[in-house]
Amino acid sequence: MTDDGDAALAAALDELGDAPLDRFVATRDRLARTLKADGHADAAKALRARRRPSVVAWSVNRVARERPDLVASLFTAADDVRAAVERGDGDALRAAMRAQRTRLAELTDATVERTATVSPNPRAHEDAITRTWEAAADDEGVRDAVTSGELVGELQPGTTLNGTPTEAPAASARTAAPRRVQQSRLPRSGATSATPASSTRPRDELALRRAEDAVAEARATLAEARRAAIAARKDAARAERAAARADDEEARARRRLTSAEDALAERRSR
């Protein structure tokens, strides 16, 4: 494909990326015909190879185009999680996990909102949307497909675009203790494993990582709740002392008022 063909294909893909889902095929075929008529046969063939995306994939692609800043924030948070795991920095890991969960929730909500334009029940797609964004955070190949608007179907975390397990699933935000995941695959001393470690199902690993993540997140939440409770008790103690001072001041003011009223009454009686 020539440079002109590449540029023409890129422009066609950009226009296709803005096409409504129900007009995807018609728009693709029209653009392919135009490319071929302009002498870009290879570009036309490449464009015709683009499959119509599912509702989830189309919605994710559109949000990636509309909110690149938010998508970049999700990927940055996922990278921060990996870096914190490698450093063994628990505080940084918890902060990065919270950031990733926040970005993931924001992207899920934005994508569900976009899905509402093509589906009568957008919330039915919510779990698939979340899993697809998680998969994008896990894998560079998925990230590229999402940011370029080439996703054609929903994905599972811990797998690549073709459905094979990722090489390093433990680097995702769901990993709270990767060393324990590694150790859980080792046979006990003197025992033999009937199934190689490499045959462990991605779904089982995902469930384990999510459970570990839930524990780490719950611990972080508990610590924050404890700090908030301590601060609240301090605030309550300060408020109680302030209330006591106000009560004393009110009592003194009442005594002064009573004394003044008594003096006034005495003068009037003279």
Protein backbone atom coordinates (compact mmCIF):
# COMPACT_ATOMS: atom_id res chain seq x y z
CA MET A 1 0.00 0.00 0.00
CA THR A 2 1.37 3.43 -0.95
CA ASP A 3 1.66 6.38 1.38
CA ASP A 4 -1.35 7.91 -0.36
CA GLY A 5 -3.25 4.68 0.17
CA ASP A 6 -2.32 4.64 3.85
CA ALA A 7 -3.49 8.22 4.27
CA ALA A 8 -6.73 7.51 2.42
CA LEU A 9 -7.37 4.43 4.55
CA ALA A 10 -6.67 6.36 7.75
CA ALA A 11 -9.16 9.04 6.73
CA ALA A 12 -11.77 6.41 5.84
CA LEU A 13 -11.28 4.64 9.18
CA ASP A 14 -11.66 7.94 10.98
CA GLU A 15 -14.97 8.56 9.25
CA LEU A 16 -16.07 4.98 9.89
CA GLY A 17 -15.28 5.42 13.56
CA ASP A 18 -17.94 8.13 13.78
CA ALA A 19 -20.57 6.10 11.96
CA PRO A 20 -23.71 5.06 13.88
CA LEU A 21 -23.81 1.35 14.61
CA ASP A 22 -26.80 0.74 12.36
CA ARG A 23 -24.98 2.52 9.51
CA PHE A 24 -21.61 0.86 10.06
CA VAL A 25 -21.77 -1.64 7.20
CA ALA A 26 -23.29 0.83 4.74
CA THR A 27 -20.69 3.45 5.63
CA ARG A 28 -17.86 0.94 5.37
CA ASP A 29 -18.96 -0.28 1.95
CA ARG A 30 -19.46 3.25 0.65
CA LEU A 31 -16.01 4.30 1.80
CA ALA A 32 -14.47 1.13 0.33
CA ARG A 33 -16.06 1.86 -3.04
CA THR A 34 -14.68 5.38 -2.92
CA LEU A 35 -11.20 4.12 -2.09
CA LYS A 36 -11.28 1.66 -4.95
CA ALA A 37 -12.54 4.29 -7.36
CA ASP A 38 -9.68 6.55 -6.30
CA GLY A 39 -7.16 3.85 -7.15
CA HIS A 40 -6.56 2.55 -3.63
CA ALA A 41 -7.56 -1.08 -4.12
CA ASP A 42 -5.46 -2.39 -1.22
CA ALA A 43 -6.91 0.22 1.12
CA ALA A 44 -10.42 -0.66 -0.04
CA LYS A 45 -9.76 -4.35 0.63
CA ALA A 46 -8.40 -3.58 4.10
CA LEU A 47 -11.42 -1.45 4.89
CA ARG A 48 -13.90 -4.12 3.73
CA ALA A 49 -12.19 -6.54 6.11
CA ARG A 50 -13.40 -4.48 9.06
CA ARG A 51 -16.21 -6.36 10.76
CA ARG A 52 -19.26 -4.71 12.26
CA PRO A 53 -18.58 -4.36 16.00
CA SER A 54 -20.87 -5.64 18.72
CA VAL A 55 -22.89 -3.17 20.77
CA VAL A 56 -20.29 -3.25 23.55
CA ALA A 57 -17.31 -2.94 21.21
CA TRP A 58 -18.92 -0.08 19.27
CA SER A 59 -19.71 1.77 22.49
CA VAL A 60 -16.18 1.27 23.86
CA ASN A 61 -14.69 2.44 20.55
CA ARG A 62 -16.85 5.56 20.57
CA VAL A 63 -16.03 6.46 24.17
CA ALA A 64 -12.33 5.95 23.43
CA ARG A 65 -12.66 8.53 20.65
CA GLU A 66 -14.76 10.90 22.73
CA ARG A 67 -12.89 10.63 26.06
CA PRO A 68 -9.22 9.96 25.25
CA ASP A 69 -8.17 11.77 28.43
CA LEU A 70 -10.19 9.42 30.62
CA VAL A 71 -8.93 6.36 28.75
CA ALA A 72 -5.34 7.56 29.15
CA SER A 73 -5.97 8.02 32.89
CA LEU A 74 -7.16 4.41 33.19
CA PHE A 75 -4.06 3.12 31.43
CA THR A 76 -1.80 5.33 33.55
CA ALA A 77 -3.41 4.03 36.74
CA ALA A 78 -2.96 0.44 35.55
CA ASP A 79 0.72 1.14 34.85
CA ASP A 80 1.05 2.69 38.31
CA VAL A 81 -0.37 -0.49 39.81
CA ARG A 82 2.23 -2.59 37.98
CA ALA A 83 5.02 -0.29 39.12
CA ALA A 84 3.82 -0.39 42.74
CA VAL A 85 3.64 -4.20 42.66
CA GLU A 86 7.18 -4.41 41.33
CA ARG A 87 8.44 -2.03 44.03
CA GLY A 88 6.46 -3.75 46.76
CA ASP A 89 5.03 -0.37 47.77
CA GLY A 90 1.75 -1.11 49.55
CA ASP A 91 0.63 2.50 49.99
CA ALA A 92 1.29 3.32 46.34
CA LEU A 93 -0.46 0.12 45.30
CA ARG A 94 -3.62 0.96 47.22
CA ALA A 95 -3.65 4.50 45.85
CA ALA A 96 -3.14 3.25 42.30
CA MET A 97 -5.84 0.61 42.71
CA ARG A 98 -8.31 3.23 43.92
CA ALA A 99 -7.43 5.46 40.99
CA GLN A 100 -7.88 2.61 38.53
CA ARG A 101 -11.22 1.63 40.04
CA THR A 102 -12.41 5.24 39.84
CA ARG A 103 -11.38 5.59 36.19
CA LEU A 104 -12.91 2.20 35.40
CA ALA A 105 -16.22 3.21 36.96
CA GLU A 106 -16.23 6.52 35.07
CA LEU A 107 -15.50 4.80 31.77
CA THR A 108 -18.14 2.17 32.42
CA ASP A 109 -20.76 4.83 33.12
CA ALA A 110 -19.78 6.81 30.02
CA THR A 111 -19.91 3.66 27.88
CA VAL A 112 -23.27 2.56 29.26
CA GLU A 113 -24.57 6.04 28.41
CA ARG A 114 -23.27 5.64 24.86
CA THR A 115 -24.78 2.13 24.69
CA ALA A 116 -28.17 3.64 25.51
CA THR A 117 -28.19 5.19 22.03
CA VAL A 118 -28.24 1.76 20.38
CA SER A 119 -29.72 -0.58 22.99
CA PRO A 120 -33.08 -0.47 24.80
CA ASN A 121 -31.48 -2.02 27.90
CA PRO A 122 -27.97 -0.56 28.19
CA ARG A 123 -27.42 -1.76 31.76
CA ALA A 124 -27.60 -5.34 30.50
CA HIS A 125 -24.22 -4.68 28.86
CA GLU A 126 -22.60 -3.10 31.91
CA ASP A 127 -20.61 -6.13 33.08
CA ALA A 128 -19.28 -6.82 29.58
CA ILE A 129 -18.30 -3.16 29.25
CA THR A 130 -16.41 -3.22 32.54
CA ARG A 131 -14.63 -6.46 31.63
CA THR A 132 -13.59 -5.02 28.28
CA TRP A 133 -12.08 -1.91 29.86
CA GLU A 134 -10.32 -4.16 32.40
CA ALA A 135 -8.90 -6.19 29.52
CA ALA A 136 -7.66 -2.98 27.90
CA ALA A 137 -5.92 -2.01 31.14
CA ASP A 138 -4.28 -5.46 31.24
CA ASP A 139 -2.91 -5.77 27.71
CA GLU A 140 -1.06 -3.41 25.35
CA GLY A 141 -2.57 -5.05 22.27
CA VAL A 142 -6.07 -4.49 23.55
CA ARG A 143 -5.20 -0.89 24.39
CA ASP A 144 -4.10 -0.28 20.82
CA ALA A 145 -7.29 -1.81 19.44
CA VAL A 146 -9.43 0.32 21.73
CA THR A 147 -7.64 3.62 21.12
CA SER A 148 -7.63 3.03 17.35
CA GLY A 149 -11.34 2.11 17.35
CA GLU A 150 -10.71 -1.40 16.00
CA LEU A 151 -12.45 -3.44 18.69
CA VAL A 152 -15.11 -5.75 17.26
CA GLY A 153 -16.27 -7.68 20.35
CA GLU A 154 -16.26 -7.59 24.13
CA LEU A 155 -13.24 -9.05 25.95
CA GLN A 156 -12.32 -10.81 29.17
CA PRO A 157 -9.63 -9.49 31.53
CA GLY A 158 -6.44 -11.52 31.44
CA THR A 159 -6.81 -12.45 27.76
CA THR A 160 -5.51 -10.99 24.53
CA LEU A 161 -7.59 -10.00 21.51
CA ASN A 162 -7.60 -13.59 20.23
CA GLY A 163 -8.72 -14.96 23.61
CA THR A 164 -5.38 -16.44 24.75
CA PRO A 165 -4.14 -15.71 28.29
CA THR A 166 -1.91 -12.69 28.67
CA GLU A 167 1.70 -13.35 29.57
CA ALA A 168 1.59 -11.31 32.74
CA PRO A 169 -1.94 -11.21 34.11
CA ALA A 170 -0.67 -10.61 37.64
CA ALA A 171 0.21 -7.04 36.68
CA SER A 172 -3.41 -5.91 36.60
CA ALA A 173 -5.15 -3.78 39.22
CA ARG A 174 -6.81 -6.86 40.64
CA THR A 175 -3.44 -8.14 41.88
CA ALA A 176 -2.93 -7.39 45.53
CA ALA A 177 -0.27 -10.04 46.27
CA PRO A 178 1.26 -11.54 43.13
CA ARG A 179 3.73 -13.64 45.08
CA ARG A 180 0.88 -15.56 46.69
CA VAL A 181 -0.60 -16.20 43.26
CA GLN A 182 2.72 -17.65 42.11
CA GLN A 183 3.08 -19.81 45.20
CA SER A 184 -0.45 -21.16 44.96
CA ARG A 185 0.51 -22.95 41.75
CA LEU A 186 3.44 -24.84 43.27
CA PRO A 187 2.89 -28.47 44.42
CA ARG A 188 3.45 -29.27 48.07
CA SER A 189 6.73 -30.84 49.02
CA GLY A 190 6.82 -34.49 47.99
CA ALA A 191 3.64 -34.18 45.93
CA THR A 192 3.22 -34.26 42.21
CA SER A 193 0.88 -32.07 40.26
CA ALA A 194 -1.48 -33.82 37.89
CA THR A 195 -1.95 -30.60 35.89
CA PRO A 196 0.90 -28.32 34.74
CA ALA A 197 0.82 -24.77 36.10
CA SER A 198 0.46 -23.45 32.57
CA SER A 199 -2.91 -25.20 32.22
CA THR A 200 -4.52 -23.21 35.05
CA ARG A 201 -7.64 -21.65 33.62
CA PRO A 202 -7.57 -17.85 33.24
CA ARG A 203 -10.98 -17.68 34.88
CA ASP A 204 -9.64 -19.36 38.04
CA GLU A 205 -6.68 -16.99 38.15
CA LEU A 206 -9.00 -14.05 37.62
CA ALA A 207 -11.23 -15.14 40.51
CA LEU A 208 -8.18 -15.50 42.78
CA ARG A 209 -6.80 -12.12 41.80
CA ARG A 210 -10.16 -10.46 42.33
CA ALA A 211 -10.47 -12.04 45.78
CA GLU A 212 -6.99 -10.82 46.74
CA ASP A 213 -7.82 -7.43 45.35
CA ALA A 214 -11.01 -7.31 47.41
CA VAL A 215 -9.03 -8.10 50.58
CA ALA A 216 -6.45 -5.39 49.86
CA GLU A 217 -9.14 -2.87 49.02
CA ALA A 218 -11.13 -3.76 52.13
CA ARG A 219 -8.02 -3.32 54.30
CA ALA A 220 -7.34 0.08 52.74
CA THR A 221 -10.98 1.08 53.24
CA LEU A 222 -10.86 -0.07 56.86
CA ALA A 223 -7.72 1.99 57.49
CA GLU A 224 -9.35 5.04 55.97
CA ALA A 225 -12.51 4.46 58.02
CA ARG A 226 -10.43 4.19 61.18
CA ARG A 227 -8.67 7.46 60.42
CA ALA A 228 -12.01 9.12 59.69
CA ALA A 229 -13.47 7.78 62.95
CA ILE A 230 -10.51 9.08 64.95
CA ALA A 231 -10.81 12.47 63.29
CA ALA A 232 -14.56 12.50 63.92
CA ARG A 233 -14.04 11.66 67.59
CA LYS A 234 -11.52 14.47 67.86
CA ASP A 235 -13.95 16.83 66.17
CA ALA A 236 -16.71 15.65 68.49
CA ALA A 237 -14.50 16.21 71.54
CA ARG A 238 -13.63 19.70 70.34
CA ALA A 239 -17.30 20.39 69.67
CA GLU A 240 -18.23 19.13 73.12
CA ARG A 241 -15.63 21.39 74.74
CA ALA A 242 -16.87 24.31 72.68
CA ALA A 243 -20.44 23.53 73.72
CA ALA A 244 -19.41 23.41 77.37
CA ARG A 245 -17.68 26.78 77.06
CA ALA A 246 -20.79 28.19 75.39
CA ASP A 247 -22.98 26.84 78.21
CA ASP A 248 -20.70 28.48 80.80
CA GLU A 249 -20.81 31.76 78.93
CA GLU A 250 -24.61 31.55 78.73
CA ALA A 251 -24.83 30.90 82.47
CA ARG A 252 -22.61 33.91 83.21
CA ALA A 253 -24.68 36.07 80.88
CA ARG A 254 -27.88 34.96 82.64
CA ARG A 255 -26.35 35.85 86.02
CA ARG A 256 -25.34 39.28 84.73
CA LEU A 257 -28.84 39.82 83.33
CA THR A 258 -30.47 38.78 86.60
CA SER A 259 -28.18 41.09 88.55
CA ALA A 260 -28.88 43.98 86.20
CA GLU A 261 -32.66 43.41 86.36
CA ASP A 262 -32.51 43.28 90.18
CA ALA A 263 -30.59 46.56 90.27
CA LEU A 264 -33.10 48.19 87.92
CA ALA A 265 -36.02 47.00 89.97
CA GLU A 266 -34.42 48.34 93.16
CA ARG A 267 -33.86 51.79 91.63
CA ARG A 268 -37.44 51.95 90.40
CA SER A 269 -38.76 51.10 93.83
CA ARG A 270 -37.05 54.06 95.46
